[in-house]
Amino acid sequence: MLIRCFRDPQTFQATATADCWTNLLQQARSLGLTAQLRALFSRHQLLQDLPDTVQKHCAWGWRYYQKQQASLFYELMQLEPWMAAASYSCVLLKGAAYQAAGLTVSEGRLYSDIDMLVERQQLDDCKAKLFFAGFFEPAMSAYDKHFYLELSHENPPLYHVKRGTALDLHFALFPLAGRKNLATGRVFASAGAIAGSCLQVPSLSYLYIHAAIHFFWQEEQHKLVKDLIDLDLLYQQLADGQLLQQLLTDAKDFGALEPVVNTLLLIEQLFCRQLPADITAQLQHSVYRRNVARALVVRQLTPGVNAKLAAALWYVRGYRHKMHWRVLTRHIWIKSKVAWQQRSKRPR
């Protein structure tokens, strides 16, 4: 229902029944997309034509989004003096980057944490600055710490001691255990400064690449629709700026053509977007097309047993991308052993 609405909001608004609106609002609320619905209808000048109840739900969602947006900007302002002292690039990612850059995808989009990217060799210095800013790293086992720093793509989550703000400090865009050999340095090279700030955001094409990686090489299933909508909105802004060829060039240089090619094909299929002829020709002949993987995505969007089977296969496939099988086997063994030891220590 959500994809149908974002695909063509005018047709949806004109033909939706009461049941359609109910299902749409339920799905939007479950995924935190109510404010994005309001933004969608506002962009297409349809807000005043919605049923009164739908307008009220959209207004409630928008007020919550405005509070979150103000909170995010406040947190970025608190980070500013500490990051200004850094002699290296501090690049915002995901939702924080969308908001800071004022992208269409940010309108009504909620966030749960702040994502920031620094070079691997600057990780310790950046953490030290964040600790002085009030962030702390919760205690964890030596193995979990090793997993984050040597096999993952980020430091363990940091939390502000007073405000509870969560901050994910990245040193790569994808887990190192996946052995994808991505050229992270190109993200820094593409990044531009935010006006009046020491913080930076990646170029629009690299924001899409990161979103595509997060969608196509991961195992998460509960946010498929939300992630697809993000990708479609980013795609539309790239298409409006005639940046799709730049996107494919950047994806090739970065080493992530597979997720970019297949998410573009999914956007074309699910949202009925008309890709430029030259882009379509490149996608049709690409060796990175993954028809089975895309079929698994589409199947998960429909109800039934087959959707559950597709979700299970998608989960296994995602972990296969995130970890080499040797790393995955060792990880499962260690975590299972720790879980068994903790269980055996419980009083009976």
C-alpha atoms as a PDB file:
ATOM      1  CA  MET A   1       0.000   0.000   0.000  1.00  0.00           C
ATOM      2  CA  LEU A   2       2.795   2.440   0.875  1.00  0.00           C
ATOM      3  CA  ILE A   3       4.710   1.748  -2.323  1.00  0.00           C
ATOM      4  CA  ARG A   4       1.508   2.150  -4.321  1.00  0.00           C
ATOM      5  CA  CYS A   5       0.943   5.545  -2.680  1.00  0.00           C
ATOM      6  CA  PHE A   6       4.504   6.810  -3.156  1.00  0.00           C
ATOM      7  CA  ARG A   7       4.484   5.520  -6.744  1.00  0.00           C
ATOM      8  CA  ASP A   8       1.551   7.734  -7.761  1.00  0.00           C
ATOM      9  CA  PRO A   9       0.026   9.806  -4.936  1.00  0.00           C
ATOM     10  CA  GLN A  10      -2.456  11.568  -7.250  1.00  0.00           C
ATOM     11  CA  THR A  11      -4.025   8.311  -8.428  1.00  0.00           C
ATOM     12  CA  PHE A  12      -3.989   6.872  -4.930  1.00  0.00           C
ATOM     13  CA  GLN A  13      -5.720   9.925  -3.466  1.00  0.00           C
ATOM     14  CA  ALA A  14      -8.359   9.886  -6.194  1.00  0.00           C
ATOM     15  CA  THR A  15      -9.183   6.167  -5.959  1.00  0.00           C
ATOM     16  CA  ALA A  16      -8.491   5.149  -2.343  1.00  0.00           C
ATOM     17  CA  THR A  17     -11.351   3.682  -0.333  1.00  0.00           C
ATOM     18  CA  ALA A  18     -11.766   4.000   3.437  1.00  0.00           C
ATOM     19  CA  ASP A  19     -10.104   0.605   3.864  1.00  0.00           C
ATOM     20  CA  CYS A  20      -7.175   1.749   1.713  1.00  0.00           C
ATOM     21  CA  TRP A  21      -6.642   4.811   3.899  1.00  0.00           C
ATOM     22  CA  THR A  22      -6.855   2.706   7.052  1.00  0.00           C
ATOM     23  CA  ASN A  23      -4.302   0.208   5.758  1.00  0.00           C
ATOM     24  CA  LEU A  24      -2.036   3.003   4.535  1.00  0.00           C
ATOM     25  CA  LEU A  25      -2.024   4.786   7.892  1.00  0.00           C
ATOM     26  CA  GLN A  26      -1.463   1.549   9.797  1.00  0.00           C
ATOM     27  CA  GLN A  27       1.507   0.629   7.615  1.00  0.00           C
ATOM     28  CA  ALA A  28       2.906   4.157   7.778  1.00  0.00           C
ATOM     29  CA  ARG A  29       2.659   4.292  11.567  1.00  0.00           C
ATOM     30  CA  SER A  30       4.324   0.888  11.984  1.00  0.00           C
ATOM     31  CA  LEU A  31       7.313   2.078   9.914  1.00  0.00           C
ATOM     32  CA  GLY A  32       7.440   5.652  11.208  1.00  0.00           C
ATOM     33  CA  LEU A  33       6.412   7.063   7.825  1.00  0.00           C
ATOM     34  CA  THR A  34       3.343   9.115   8.765  1.00  0.00           C
ATOM     35  CA  ALA A  35       5.204  12.420   8.497  1.00  0.00           C
ATOM     36  CA  GLN A  36       6.734  11.352   5.184  1.00  0.00           C
ATOM     37  CA  LEU A  37       3.221  10.706   3.894  1.00  0.00           C
ATOM     38  CA  ARG A  38       2.310  14.249   4.853  1.00  0.00           C
ATOM     39  CA  ALA A  39       5.402  15.541   3.050  1.00  0.00           C
ATOM     40  CA  LEU A  40       4.530  13.472  -0.032  1.00  0.00           C
ATOM     41  CA  PHE A  41       0.980  14.828  -0.274  1.00  0.00           C
ATOM     42  CA  SER A  42       2.216  18.356   0.419  1.00  0.00           C
ATOM     43  CA  ARG A  43       4.778  18.180  -2.420  1.00  0.00           C
ATOM     44  CA  HIS A  44       2.005  17.154  -4.802  1.00  0.00           C
ATOM     45  CA  GLN A  45      -0.431  19.785  -3.447  1.00  0.00           C
ATOM     46  CA  LEU A  46      -2.877  17.106  -2.310  1.00  0.00           C
ATOM     47  CA  LEU A  47      -2.878  17.745   1.426  1.00  0.00           C
ATOM     48  CA  GLN A  48      -6.148  19.676   1.518  1.00  0.00           C
ATOM     49  CA  ASP A  49      -7.886  17.008  -0.585  1.00  0.00           C
ATOM     50  CA  LEU A  50      -7.273  14.215   1.931  1.00  0.00           C
ATOM     51  CA  PRO A  51     -10.044  12.918   4.213  1.00  0.00           C
ATOM     52  CA  ASP A  52     -10.187  14.843   7.501  1.00  0.00           C
ATOM     53  CA  THR A  53      -9.064  11.868   9.573  1.00  0.00           C
ATOM     54  CA  VAL A  54      -6.070  11.294   7.320  1.00  0.00           C
ATOM     55  CA  GLN A  55      -5.134  14.970   7.577  1.00  0.00           C
ATOM     56  CA  LYS A  56      -5.229  14.731  11.378  1.00  0.00           C
ATOM     57  CA  HIS A  57      -2.969  11.672  11.424  1.00  0.00           C
ATOM     58  CA  CYS A  58      -0.550  13.388   9.056  1.00  0.00           C
ATOM     59  CA  ALA A  59      -0.557  16.532  11.213  1.00  0.00           C
ATOM     60  CA  TRP A  60       0.192  14.506  14.372  1.00  0.00           C
ATOM     61  CA  GLY A  61       3.024  12.702  12.609  1.00  0.00           C
ATOM     62  CA  TRP A  62       4.408  15.983  11.300  1.00  0.00           C
ATOM     63  CA  ARG A  63       4.487  17.569  14.754  1.00  0.00           C
ATOM     64  CA  TYR A  64       6.487  14.624  16.066  1.00  0.00           C
ATOM     65  CA  TYR A  65       8.854  14.901  13.103  1.00  0.00           C
ATOM     66  CA  GLN A  66       9.380  18.609  13.763  1.00  0.00           C
ATOM     67  CA  LYS A  67      10.402  17.822  17.352  1.00  0.00           C
ATOM     68  CA  GLN A  68      12.841  15.191  16.101  1.00  0.00           C
ATOM     69  CA  GLN A  69      14.240  17.544  13.489  1.00  0.00           C
ATOM     70  CA  ALA A  70      14.835  20.243  16.105  1.00  0.00           C
ATOM     71  CA  SER A  71      16.455  17.648  18.374  1.00  0.00           C
ATOM     72  CA  LEU A  72      18.770  16.486  15.579  1.00  0.00           C
ATOM     73  CA  PHE A  73      19.898  20.008  14.720  1.00  0.00           C
ATOM     74  CA  TYR A  74      20.470  20.718  18.410  1.00  0.00           C
ATOM     75  CA  GLU A  75      22.664  17.611  18.699  1.00  0.00           C
ATOM     76  CA  LEU A  76      24.667  18.610  15.624  1.00  0.00           C
ATOM     77  CA  MET A  77      25.194  22.062  17.104  1.00  0.00           C
ATOM     78  CA  GLN A  78      26.484  20.459  20.306  1.00  0.00           C
ATOM     79  CA  LEU A  79      28.947  18.378  18.266  1.00  0.00           C
ATOM     80  CA  GLU A  80      30.158  21.377  16.288  1.00  0.00           C
ATOM     81  CA  PRO A  81      32.781  22.852  18.677  1.00  0.00           C
ATOM     82  CA  TRP A  82      34.334  19.440  19.362  1.00  0.00           C
ATOM     83  CA  MET A  83      34.521  18.358  15.729  1.00  0.00           C
ATOM     84  CA  ALA A  84      35.789  21.793  14.673  1.00  0.00           C
ATOM     85  CA  ALA A  85      38.988  20.988  16.560  1.00  0.00           C
ATOM     86  CA  ALA A  86      39.595  17.943  14.341  1.00  0.00           C
ATOM     87  CA  SER A  87      42.140  18.246  11.538  1.00  0.00           C
ATOM     88  CA  TYR A  88      40.342  15.564   9.495  1.00  0.00           C
ATOM     89  CA  SER A  89      36.981  15.191   7.772  1.00  0.00           C
ATOM     90  CA  CYS A  90      33.902  14.313   9.837  1.00  0.00           C
ATOM     91  CA  VAL A  91      31.205  13.181   7.397  1.00  0.00           C
ATOM     92  CA  LEU A  92      27.553  12.721   8.343  1.00  0.00           C
ATOM     93  CA  LEU A  93      25.729   9.694   6.943  1.00  0.00           C
ATOM     94  CA  LYS A  94      22.157   8.470   6.464  1.00  0.00           C
ATOM     95  CA  GLY A  95      19.360  10.468   8.121  1.00  0.00           C
ATOM     96  CA  ALA A  96      21.600  13.126   9.649  1.00  0.00           C
ATOM     97  CA  ALA A  97      23.183  13.753   6.237  1.00  0.00           C
ATOM     98  CA  TYR A  98      19.785  13.906   4.520  1.00  0.00           C
ATOM     99  CA  GLN A  99      18.596  16.535   7.004  1.00  0.00           C
ATOM    100  CA  ALA A 100      21.805  18.560   6.943  1.00  0.00           C
ATOM    101  CA  ALA A 101      21.787  18.613   3.130  1.00  0.00           C
ATOM    102  CA  GLY A 102      18.077  19.486   2.982  1.00  0.00           C
ATOM    103  CA  LEU A 103      17.241  16.609   0.643  1.00  0.00           C
ATOM    104  CA  THR A 104      13.691  15.674  -0.326  1.00  0.00           C
ATOM    105  CA  VAL A 105      14.113  12.307   1.381  1.00  0.00           C
ATOM    106  CA  SER A 106      14.599  14.122   4.705  1.00  0.00           C
ATOM    107  CA  GLU A 107      11.111  15.679   4.672  1.00  0.00           C
ATOM    108  CA  GLY A 108       9.202  13.895   7.427  1.00  0.00           C
ATOM    109  CA  ARG A 109      11.893  11.254   7.889  1.00  0.00           C
ATOM    110  CA  LEU A 110      12.499  10.184  11.489  1.00  0.00           C
ATOM    111  CA  TYR A 111      15.901   9.236  12.857  1.00  0.00           C
ATOM    112  CA  SER A 112      17.049   7.013  15.711  1.00  0.00           C
ATOM    113  CA  ASP A 113      20.725   7.983  15.929  1.00  0.00           C
ATOM    114  CA  ILE A 114      23.444  10.102  14.363  1.00  0.00           C
ATOM    115  CA  ASP A 115      25.799   8.381  11.932  1.00  0.00           C
ATOM    116  CA  MET A 116      29.220   9.876  11.293  1.00  0.00           C
ATOM    117  CA  LEU A 117      32.173   8.652   9.215  1.00  0.00           C
ATOM    118  CA  VAL A 118      35.855   9.283   9.933  1.00  0.00           C
ATOM    119  CA  GLU A 119      39.001   7.675   8.574  1.00  0.00           C
ATOM    120  CA  ARG A 120      40.084   4.518  10.374  1.00  0.00           C
ATOM    121  CA  GLN A 121      43.335   6.028  11.634  1.00  0.00           C
ATOM    122  CA  GLN A 122      41.405   8.948  13.161  1.00  0.00           C
ATOM    123  CA  LEU A 123      38.948   6.775  15.077  1.00  0.00           C
ATOM    124  CA  ASP A 124      40.675   6.985  18.474  1.00  0.00           C
ATOM    125  CA  ASP A 125      41.138  10.738  18.284  1.00  0.00           C
ATOM    126  CA  CYS A 126      37.514  11.257  17.275  1.00  0.00           C
ATOM    127  CA  LYS A 127      36.311   9.034  20.127  1.00  0.00           C
ATOM    128  CA  ALA A 128      38.412  11.046  22.565  1.00  0.00           C
ATOM    129  CA  LYS A 129      36.771  14.261  21.381  1.00  0.00           C
ATOM    130  CA  LEU A 130      33.328  12.682  21.672  1.00  0.00           C
ATOM    131  CA  PHE A 131      34.077  11.478  25.201  1.00  0.00           C
ATOM    132  CA  PHE A 132      34.879  15.070  26.204  1.00  0.00           C
ATOM    133  CA  ALA A 133      31.594  16.065  24.539  1.00  0.00           C
ATOM    134  CA  GLY A 134      29.762  13.737  26.934  1.00  0.00           C
ATOM    135  CA  PHE A 135      29.510  10.487  24.965  1.00  0.00           C
ATOM    136  CA  PHE A 136      30.402   7.136  26.497  1.00  0.00           C
ATOM    137  CA  GLU A 137      30.822   3.573  25.257  1.00  0.00           C
ATOM    138  CA  PRO A 138      28.922   0.919  27.255  1.00  0.00           C
ATOM    139  CA  ALA A 139      30.907  -2.000  28.654  1.00  0.00           C
ATOM    140  CA  MET A 140      31.053  -5.123  26.502  1.00  0.00           C
ATOM    141  CA  SER A 141      33.021  -8.340  26.171  1.00  0.00           C
ATOM    142  CA  ALA A 142      36.474  -8.391  24.615  1.00  0.00           C
ATOM    143  CA  TYR A 143      35.125 -10.447  21.712  1.00  0.00           C
ATOM    144  CA  ASP A 144      32.294  -7.995  20.999  1.00  0.00           C
ATOM    145  CA  LYS A 145      34.783  -5.127  21.035  1.00  0.00           C
ATOM    146  CA  HIS A 146      37.032  -7.053  18.637  1.00  0.00           C
ATOM    147  CA  PHE A 147      34.059  -7.815  16.406  1.00  0.00           C
ATOM    148  CA  TYR A 148      33.107  -4.152  16.086  1.00  0.00           C
ATOM    149  CA  LEU A 149      36.598  -2.829  15.410  1.00  0.00           C
ATOM    150  CA  GLU A 150      38.061  -5.625  13.287  1.00  0.00           C
ATOM    151  CA  LEU A 151      35.098  -7.247  11.536  1.00  0.00           C
ATOM    152  CA  SER A 152      32.395  -4.596  11.454  1.00  0.00           C
ATOM    153  CA  HIS A 153      32.388  -1.113   9.928  1.00  0.00           C
ATOM    154  CA  GLU A 154      31.854   1.003  13.013  1.00  0.00           C
ATOM    155  CA  ASN A 155      32.829   1.593  16.601  1.00  0.00           C
ATOM    156  CA  PRO A 156      30.468   0.262  19.288  1.00  0.00           C
ATOM    157  CA  PRO A 157      27.530   2.698  19.676  1.00  0.00           C
ATOM    158  CA  LEU A 158      28.194   5.786  21.781  1.00  0.00           C
ATOM    159  CA  TYR A 159      25.565   7.399  24.015  1.00  0.00           C
ATOM    160  CA  HIS A 160      25.424  10.836  25.562  1.00  0.00           C
ATOM    161  CA  VAL A 161      25.579  10.617  29.321  1.00  0.00           C
ATOM    162  CA  LYS A 162      22.813  13.217  29.876  1.00  0.00           C
ATOM    163  CA  ARG A 163      20.695  13.365  26.732  1.00  0.00           C
ATOM    164  CA  GLY A 164      20.873   9.681  25.793  1.00  0.00           C
ATOM    165  CA  THR A 165      21.634  10.542  22.162  1.00  0.00           C
ATOM    166  CA  ALA A 166      22.978   7.561  20.201  1.00  0.00           C
ATOM    167  CA  LEU A 167      25.915   8.121  17.851  1.00  0.00           C
ATOM    168  CA  ASP A 168      27.322   5.508  15.468  1.00  0.00           C
ATOM    169  CA  LEU A 169      30.906   6.304  14.542  1.00  0.00           C
ATOM    170  CA  HIS A 170      31.758   4.622  11.225  1.00  0.00           C
ATOM    171  CA  PHE A 171      35.149   4.018   9.663  1.00  0.00           C
ATOM    172  CA  ALA A 172      33.706   2.198   6.606  1.00  0.00           C
ATOM    173  CA  LEU A 173      30.345   1.843   4.874  1.00  0.00           C
ATOM    174  CA  PHE A 174      30.188  -1.956   5.051  1.00  0.00           C
ATOM    175  CA  PRO A 175      31.477  -4.612   7.484  1.00  0.00           C
ATOM    176  CA  LEU A 176      35.119  -5.511   6.912  1.00  0.00           C
ATOM    177  CA  ALA A 177      34.212  -9.186   7.374  1.00  0.00           C
ATOM    178  CA  GLY A 178      32.322  -8.990   4.069  1.00  0.00           C
ATOM    179  CA  ARG A 179      35.625  -8.536   2.214  1.00  0.00           C
ATOM    180  CA  LYS A 180      34.109  -6.201  -0.376  1.00  0.00           C
ATOM    181  CA  ASN A 181      37.243  -4.029  -0.698  1.00  0.00           C
ATOM    182  CA  LEU A 182      35.240  -0.820  -0.993  1.00  0.00           C
ATOM    183  CA  ALA A 183      37.133   2.414  -1.675  1.00  0.00           C
ATOM    184  CA  THR A 184      36.018   4.342   1.420  1.00  0.00           C
ATOM    185  CA  GLY A 185      38.433   7.163   0.618  1.00  0.00           C
ATOM    186  CA  ARG A 186      36.235   8.155  -2.316  1.00  0.00           C
ATOM    187  CA  VAL A 187      33.409   9.009   0.086  1.00  0.00           C
ATOM    188  CA  PHE A 188      35.635  11.599   1.755  1.00  0.00           C
ATOM    189  CA  ALA A 189      36.757  12.907  -1.634  1.00  0.00           C
ATOM    190  CA  SER A 190      33.128  13.395  -2.687  1.00  0.00           C
ATOM    191  CA  ALA A 191      32.042  15.085   0.542  1.00  0.00           C
ATOM    192  CA  GLY A 192      31.199  18.763   0.724  1.00  0.00           C
ATOM    193  CA  ALA A 193      31.024  21.069   3.709  1.00  0.00           C
ATOM    194  CA  ILE A 194      27.700  22.079   5.226  1.00  0.00           C
ATOM    195  CA  ALA A 195      27.316  25.852   5.070  1.00  0.00           C
ATOM    196  CA  GLY A 196      28.524  27.394   8.310  1.00  0.00           C
ATOM    197  CA  SER A 197      29.637  24.056   9.756  1.00  0.00           C
ATOM    198  CA  CYS A 198      32.790  21.992  10.104  1.00  0.00           C
ATOM    199  CA  LEU A 199      30.770  18.847   9.359  1.00  0.00           C
ATOM    200  CA  GLN A 200      30.458  17.438   5.847  1.00  0.00           C
ATOM    201  CA  VAL A 201      28.014  15.317   3.854  1.00  0.00           C
ATOM    202  CA  PRO A 202      28.791  12.917   0.981  1.00  0.00           C
ATOM    203  CA  SER A 203      27.734  13.748  -2.546  1.00  0.00           C
ATOM    204  CA  LEU A 204      24.208  12.748  -3.528  1.00  0.00           C
ATOM    205  CA  SER A 205      25.472   9.766  -5.521  1.00  0.00           C
ATOM    206  CA  TYR A 206      27.405   8.414  -2.538  1.00  0.00           C
ATOM    207  CA  LEU A 207      24.379   8.887  -0.285  1.00  0.00           C
ATOM    208  CA  TYR A 208      22.466   6.704  -2.741  1.00  0.00           C
ATOM    209  CA  ILE A 209      25.316   4.174  -2.888  1.00  0.00           C
ATOM    210  CA  HIS A 210      25.351   3.884   0.906  1.00  0.00           C
ATOM    211  CA  ALA A 211      21.574   3.426   1.014  1.00  0.00           C
ATOM    212  CA  ALA A 212      21.793   0.800  -1.747  1.00  0.00           C
ATOM    213  CA  ILE A 213      24.526  -1.105   0.108  1.00  0.00           C
ATOM    214  CA  HIS A 214      22.534  -0.977   3.328  1.00  0.00           C
ATOM    215  CA  PHE A 215      19.512  -2.367   1.490  1.00  0.00           C
ATOM    216  CA  PHE A 216      20.949  -4.941  -0.905  1.00  0.00           C
ATOM    217  CA  TRP A 217      23.868  -6.400   1.043  1.00  0.00           C
ATOM    218  CA  GLN A 218      22.163  -6.675   4.424  1.00  0.00           C
ATOM    219  CA  GLU A 219      19.796  -9.155   6.036  1.00  0.00           C
ATOM    220  CA  GLU A 220      17.218  -6.744   7.490  1.00  0.00           C
ATOM    221  CA  GLN A 221      13.632  -7.432   6.472  1.00  0.00           C
ATOM    222  CA  HIS A 222      11.426  -5.282   8.701  1.00  0.00           C
ATOM    223  CA  LYS A 223      12.351  -2.029   6.928  1.00  0.00           C
ATOM    224  CA  LEU A 224      12.307  -3.154   3.298  1.00  0.00           C
ATOM    225  CA  VAL A 225       9.481  -0.810   2.330  1.00  0.00           C
ATOM    226  CA  LYS A 226      10.959   2.142   4.225  1.00  0.00           C
ATOM    227  CA  ASP A 227      14.375   1.598   2.636  1.00  0.00           C
ATOM    228  CA  LEU A 228      12.860   1.269  -0.840  1.00  0.00           C
ATOM    229  CA  ILE A 229      11.029   4.568  -0.377  1.00  0.00           C
ATOM    230  CA  ASP A 230      14.282   6.242   0.697  1.00  0.00           C
ATOM    231  CA  LEU A 231      16.006   4.876  -2.400  1.00  0.00           C
ATOM    232  CA  ASP A 232      13.208   6.042  -4.689  1.00  0.00           C
ATOM    233  CA  LEU A 233      13.300   9.580  -3.282  1.00  0.00           C
ATOM    234  CA  LEU A 234      17.088   9.705  -3.632  1.00  0.00           C
ATOM    235  CA  TYR A 235      16.760   8.345  -7.179  1.00  0.00           C
ATOM    236  CA  GLN A 236      14.265  11.050  -8.127  1.00  0.00           C
ATOM    237  CA  GLN A 237      16.618  13.780  -6.924  1.00  0.00           C
ATOM    238  CA  LEU A 238      19.511  12.209  -8.848  1.00  0.00           C
ATOM    239  CA  ALA A 239      17.341  11.956 -11.967  1.00  0.00           C
ATOM    240  CA  ASP A 240      16.185  15.576 -11.635  1.00  0.00           C
ATOM    241  CA  GLY A 241      19.819  16.656 -11.439  1.00  0.00           C
ATOM    242  CA  GLN A 242      20.818  14.406 -14.370  1.00  0.00           C
ATOM    243  CA  LEU A 243      23.281  12.623 -12.086  1.00  0.00           C
ATOM    244  CA  LEU A 244      22.427   8.988 -12.837  1.00  0.00           C
ATOM    245  CA  GLN A 245      25.490   8.427 -15.019  1.00  0.00           C
ATOM    246  CA  GLN A 246      27.613   9.960 -12.271  1.00  0.00           C
ATOM    247  CA  LEU A 247      25.962   7.526  -9.858  1.00  0.00           C
ATOM    248  CA  LEU A 248      26.992   4.513 -11.942  1.00  0.00           C
ATOM    249  CA  THR A 249      30.514   5.878 -12.376  1.00  0.00           C
ATOM    250  CA  ASP A 250      30.888   6.485  -8.641  1.00  0.00           C
ATOM    251  CA  ALA A 251      29.452   3.048  -7.841  1.00  0.00           C
ATOM    252  CA  LYS A 252      32.004   1.406 -10.137  1.00  0.00           C
ATOM    253  CA  ASP A 253      34.892   3.374  -8.636  1.00  0.00           C
ATOM    254  CA  PHE A 254      33.699   2.599  -5.112  1.00  0.00           C
ATOM    255  CA  GLY A 255      33.188  -1.111  -5.808  1.00  0.00           C
ATOM    256  CA  ALA A 256      29.420  -1.248  -5.274  1.00  0.00           C
ATOM    257  CA  LEU A 257      27.860  -1.590  -8.713  1.00  0.00           C
ATOM    258  CA  GLU A 258      25.886  -4.672  -7.690  1.00  0.00           C
ATOM    259  CA  PRO A 259      23.653  -2.973  -5.090  1.00  0.00           C
ATOM    260  CA  VAL A 260      23.275   0.161  -7.204  1.00  0.00           C
ATOM    261  CA  VAL A 261      22.319  -1.691 -10.398  1.00  0.00           C
ATOM    262  CA  ASN A 262      19.774  -3.881  -8.650  1.00  0.00           C
ATOM    263  CA  THR A 263      18.175  -1.153  -6.548  1.00  0.00           C
ATOM    264  CA  LEU A 264      17.722   0.933  -9.696  1.00  0.00           C
ATOM    265  CA  LEU A 265      16.019  -2.042 -11.337  1.00  0.00           C
ATOM    266  CA  LEU A 266      13.782  -2.472  -8.283  1.00  0.00           C
ATOM    267  CA  ILE A 267      12.840   1.214  -8.352  1.00  0.00           C
ATOM    268  CA  GLU A 268      11.982   0.917 -12.030  1.00  0.00           C
ATOM    269  CA  GLN A 269       9.837  -2.161 -11.358  1.00  0.00           C
ATOM    270  CA  LEU A 270       8.114  -1.254  -8.086  1.00  0.00           C
ATOM    271  CA  PHE A 271       7.668   2.508  -8.504  1.00  0.00           C
ATOM    272  CA  CYS A 272       7.237   2.450 -12.300  1.00  0.00           C
ATOM    273  CA  ARG A 273       9.980   5.032 -12.827  1.00  0.00           C
ATOM    274  CA  GLN A 274      11.096   5.654 -16.395  1.00  0.00           C
ATOM    275  CA  LEU A 275      14.882   5.433 -16.399  1.00  0.00           C
ATOM    276  CA  PRO A 276      16.765   7.319 -19.146  1.00  0.00           C
ATOM    277  CA  ALA A 277      17.452   5.195 -22.223  1.00  0.00           C
ATOM    278  CA  ASP A 278      21.230   5.223 -21.785  1.00  0.00           C
ATOM    279  CA  ILE A 279      20.940   4.107 -18.148  1.00  0.00           C
ATOM    280  CA  THR A 280      18.440   1.390 -19.068  1.00  0.00           C
ATOM    281  CA  ALA A 281      20.819   0.062 -21.731  1.00  0.00           C
ATOM    282  CA  GLN A 282      23.660  -0.148 -19.219  1.00  0.00           C
ATOM    283  CA  LEU A 283      21.495  -1.942 -16.665  1.00  0.00           C
ATOM    284  CA  GLN A 284      20.181  -4.433 -19.212  1.00  0.00           C
ATOM    285  CA  HIS A 285      23.687  -5.572 -20.114  1.00  0.00           C
ATOM    286  CA  SER A 286      25.192  -5.365 -16.639  1.00  0.00           C
ATOM    287  CA  VAL A 287      26.909  -8.463 -15.260  1.00  0.00           C
ATOM    288  CA  TYR A 288      25.793  -7.306 -11.801  1.00  0.00           C
ATOM    289  CA  ARG A 289      22.093  -8.045 -12.328  1.00  0.00           C
ATOM    290  CA  ARG A 290      20.841 -10.384  -9.584  1.00  0.00           C
ATOM    291  CA  ASN A 291      17.417 -11.559 -10.717  1.00  0.00           C
ATOM    292  CA  VAL A 292      16.895 -14.051  -7.889  1.00  0.00           C
ATOM    293  CA  ALA A 293      17.769 -11.506  -5.198  1.00  0.00           C
ATOM    294  CA  ARG A 294      15.361  -8.952  -6.662  1.00  0.00           C
ATOM    295  CA  ALA A 295      12.659 -11.608  -6.851  1.00  0.00           C
ATOM    296  CA  LEU A 296      13.174 -12.280  -3.137  1.00  0.00           C
ATOM    297  CA  VAL A 297      12.581  -8.596  -2.407  1.00  0.00           C
ATOM    298  CA  VAL A 298       9.392  -8.469  -4.458  1.00  0.00           C
ATOM    299  CA  ARG A 299       8.113 -11.699  -2.912  1.00  0.00           C
ATOM    300  CA  GLN A 300       8.563 -10.318   0.610  1.00  0.00           C
ATOM    301  CA  LEU A 301       6.216  -7.455  -0.236  1.00  0.00           C
ATOM    302  CA  THR A 302       3.292  -9.852  -0.684  1.00  0.00           C
ATOM    303  CA  PRO A 303       1.536 -11.804   2.097  1.00  0.00           C
ATOM    304  CA  GLY A 304       1.663 -15.576   2.490  1.00  0.00           C
ATOM    305  CA  VAL A 305       3.984 -18.484   3.139  1.00  0.00           C
ATOM    306  CA  ASN A 306       6.158 -17.678   0.136  1.00  0.00           C
ATOM    307  CA  ALA A 307       6.909 -14.266   1.635  1.00  0.00           C
ATOM    308  CA  LYS A 308       8.171 -15.921   4.824  1.00  0.00           C
ATOM    309  CA  LEU A 309      10.340 -18.298   2.819  1.00  0.00           C
ATOM    310  CA  ALA A 310      11.713 -15.378   0.798  1.00  0.00           C
ATOM    311  CA  ALA A 311      12.454 -13.507   4.035  1.00  0.00           C
ATOM    312  CA  ALA A 312      14.379 -16.489   5.401  1.00  0.00           C
ATOM    313  CA  LEU A 313      16.434 -16.761   2.211  1.00  0.00           C
ATOM    314  CA  TRP A 314      17.033 -13.009   2.238  1.00  0.00           C
ATOM    315  CA  TYR A 315      18.286 -13.245   5.827  1.00  0.00           C
ATOM    316  CA  VAL A 316      20.772 -16.002   5.000  1.00  0.00           C
ATOM    317  CA  ARG A 317      21.875 -14.197   1.850  1.00  0.00           C
ATOM    318  CA  GLY A 318      22.447 -10.969   3.774  1.00  0.00           C
ATOM    319  CA  TYR A 319      24.754 -12.629   6.285  1.00  0.00           C
ATOM    320  CA  ARG A 320      26.625 -14.282   3.444  1.00  0.00           C
ATOM    321  CA  HIS A 321      27.399 -10.801   2.122  1.00  0.00           C
ATOM    322  CA  LYS A 322      28.258  -9.328   5.528  1.00  0.00           C
ATOM    323  CA  MET A 323      30.629 -12.095   6.603  1.00  0.00           C
ATOM    324  CA  HIS A 324      32.947 -14.544   4.915  1.00  0.00           C
ATOM    325  CA  TRP A 325      31.770 -18.065   5.803  1.00  0.00           C
ATOM    326  CA  ARG A 326      34.813 -18.739   7.994  1.00  0.00           C
ATOM    327  CA  VAL A 327      34.212 -15.562   9.976  1.00  0.00           C
ATOM    328  CA  LEU A 328      30.502 -16.339  10.226  1.00  0.00           C
ATOM    329  CA  THR A 329      31.148 -19.895  11.460  1.00  0.00           C
ATOM    330  CA  ARG A 330      33.552 -18.667  14.129  1.00  0.00           C
ATOM    331  CA  HIS A 331      31.163 -15.871  15.135  1.00  0.00           C
ATOM    332  CA  ILE A 332      28.234 -18.274  15.551  1.00  0.00           C
ATOM    333  CA  TRP A 333      30.391 -20.678  17.564  1.00  0.00           C
ATOM    334  CA  ILE A 334      31.672 -18.012  19.964  1.00  0.00           C
ATOM    335  CA  LYS A 335      28.285 -16.336  20.491  1.00  0.00           C
ATOM    336  CA  SER A 336      26.616 -19.719  21.044  1.00  0.00           C
ATOM    337  CA  LYS A 337      29.308 -20.700  23.536  1.00  0.00           C
ATOM    338  CA  VAL A 338      28.914 -17.431  25.458  1.00  0.00           C
ATOM    339  CA  ALA A 339      25.127 -17.777  25.486  1.00  0.00           C
ATOM    340  CA  TRP A 340      25.426 -21.340  26.821  1.00  0.00           C
ATOM    341  CA  GLN A 341      27.854 -20.248  29.546  1.00  0.00           C
ATOM    342  CA  GLN A 342      25.554 -17.436  30.641  1.00  0.00           C
ATOM    343  CA  ARG A 343      22.588 -19.773  30.687  1.00  0.00           C
ATOM    344  CA  SER A 344      24.442 -22.361  32.785  1.00  0.00           C
ATOM    345  CA  LYS A 345      25.289 -19.694  35.391  1.00  0.00           C
ATOM    346  CA  ARG A 346      21.650 -18.788  36.010  1.00  0.00           C
ATOM    347  CA  PRO A 347      20.291 -19.968  39.368  1.00  0.00           C
ATOM    348  CA  ARG A 348      17.891 -22.853  39.109  1.00  0.00           C
END
